[in-house]
Amino acid sequence: MKTFLLRRFHALKTTERHWLRKTMGVLLVIGGLLGFLPVLGYWMLPLGLALLAVDFAFVRRFNRRALVWWERRRRQINGEHRDNTGDNPSRARKRP
């Protein structure tokens, strides 16, 4: 089931039917905003934004910023630290 859904999502992102991709993206975002209702869920919001990011640069930038924020927040909560050597975790100093 999981591979079936992943294939369908990938096919929707890569096809030339942009009208279907945009429509599904908008409907998923609206459904995600109404996630407090039964059947609809907050999981629909990132999925809709991922579909819209294929066609719209401002949504792509928003997605990227949200992912970076989420990763930084996760690292902060888990107590993972990096020094200022860049994004390469292998170059980060080990704490004693």
Protein backbone atom coordinates (compact mmCIF):
# COMPACT_ATOMS: atom_id res chain seq x y z
CA MET A 1 0.00 0.00 0.00
CA LYS A 2 2.81 2.39 0.92
CA THR A 3 4.69 1.81 -2.35
CA PHE A 4 1.46 2.26 -4.31
CA LEU A 5 0.83 5.65 -2.70
CA LEU A 6 4.45 6.74 -3.14
CA ARG A 7 4.34 5.83 -6.84
CA ARG A 8 1.11 7.76 -7.35
CA PHE A 9 2.49 10.82 -5.54
CA HIS A 10 5.71 10.70 -7.60
CA ALA A 11 3.69 10.32 -10.81
CA LEU A 12 1.56 13.31 -9.88
CA LYS A 13 4.67 15.41 -9.21
CA THR A 14 6.38 14.49 -12.49
CA THR A 15 3.55 14.49 -15.03
CA GLU A 16 2.74 17.37 -17.32
CA ARG A 17 -0.84 17.61 -16.03
CA HIS A 18 -0.18 20.74 -14.01
CA TRP A 19 -3.88 21.53 -13.68
CA LEU A 20 -4.45 18.27 -11.79
CA ARG A 21 -1.38 18.83 -9.60
CA LYS A 22 -2.47 22.39 -8.73
CA THR A 23 -6.05 21.34 -8.02
CA MET A 24 -4.99 18.45 -5.79
CA GLY A 25 -2.46 20.69 -4.00
CA VAL A 26 -5.04 23.37 -3.23
CA LEU A 27 -7.60 20.80 -2.07
CA LEU A 28 -5.05 19.12 0.19
CA VAL A 29 -4.01 22.46 1.71
CA ILE A 30 -7.65 23.38 2.37
CA GLY A 31 -8.25 19.93 3.87
CA GLY A 32 -5.15 20.38 6.03
CA LEU A 33 -6.40 23.71 7.34
CA LEU A 34 -9.62 21.96 8.32
CA GLY A 35 -7.67 19.20 10.04
CA PHE A 36 -9.60 19.50 13.28
CA LEU A 37 -12.63 17.98 11.54
CA PRO A 38 -13.15 14.20 11.31
CA VAL A 39 -11.67 12.44 8.23
CA LEU A 40 -9.54 15.46 7.30
CA GLY A 41 -6.16 15.75 8.92
CA TYR A 42 -3.18 17.99 9.37
CA TRP A 43 -1.14 15.50 7.30
CA MET A 44 -2.82 16.95 4.21
CA LEU A 45 -1.15 20.35 4.59
CA PRO A 46 2.49 19.36 3.92
CA LEU A 47 1.41 17.01 1.14
CA GLY A 48 -0.51 19.79 -0.59
CA LEU A 49 2.38 22.22 -0.18
CA ALA A 50 4.75 19.64 -1.66
CA LEU A 51 2.55 19.37 -4.74
CA LEU A 52 2.21 23.13 -5.10
CA ALA A 53 5.97 23.58 -4.70
CA VAL A 54 6.49 21.85 -8.05
CA ASP A 55 4.81 24.74 -9.88
CA PHE A 56 5.21 27.79 -7.64
CA ALA A 57 8.57 29.19 -6.57
CA PHE A 58 7.21 31.03 -3.51
CA VAL A 59 5.75 27.77 -2.15
CA ARG A 60 9.06 26.05 -2.87
CA ARG A 61 10.87 28.71 -0.81
CA PHE A 62 8.32 28.39 1.99
CA ASN A 63 8.72 24.60 2.01
CA ARG A 64 12.50 24.88 2.17
CA ARG A 65 12.41 27.39 5.02
CA ALA A 66 9.91 25.25 6.93
CA LEU A 67 12.10 22.15 6.50
CA VAL A 68 15.20 24.00 7.70
CA TRP A 69 13.32 25.40 10.71
CA TRP A 70 11.90 21.97 11.52
CA GLU A 71 15.33 20.32 11.37
CA ARG A 72 16.91 23.02 13.56
CA ARG A 73 14.08 22.71 16.08
CA ARG A 74 14.40 18.91 16.14
CA ARG A 75 18.14 19.16 16.74
CA GLN A 76 17.60 21.71 19.51
CA ILE A 77 15.06 19.50 21.25
CA ASN A 78 17.22 16.37 20.92
CA GLY A 79 20.28 18.18 22.19
CA GLU A 80 22.31 17.72 19.03
CA HIS A 81 24.86 20.47 18.43
CA ARG A 82 26.98 21.53 15.49
CA ASP A 83 29.80 23.99 15.32
CA ASN A 84 30.16 26.57 12.55
CA THR A 85 32.05 24.29 10.15
CA GLY A 86 29.11 24.07 7.74
CA ASP A 87 26.47 21.48 7.04
CA ASN A 88 28.81 18.50 7.06
CA PRO A 89 28.08 16.53 10.27
CA SER A 90 31.33 14.57 9.96
CA ARG A 91 33.32 17.79 10.47
CA ALA A 92 31.47 18.77 13.63
CA ARG A 93 33.44 18.64 16.84
CA LYS A 94 32.69 15.83 19.23
CA ARG A 95 31.77 16.90 22.74
CA PRO A 96 33.54 15.08 25.61
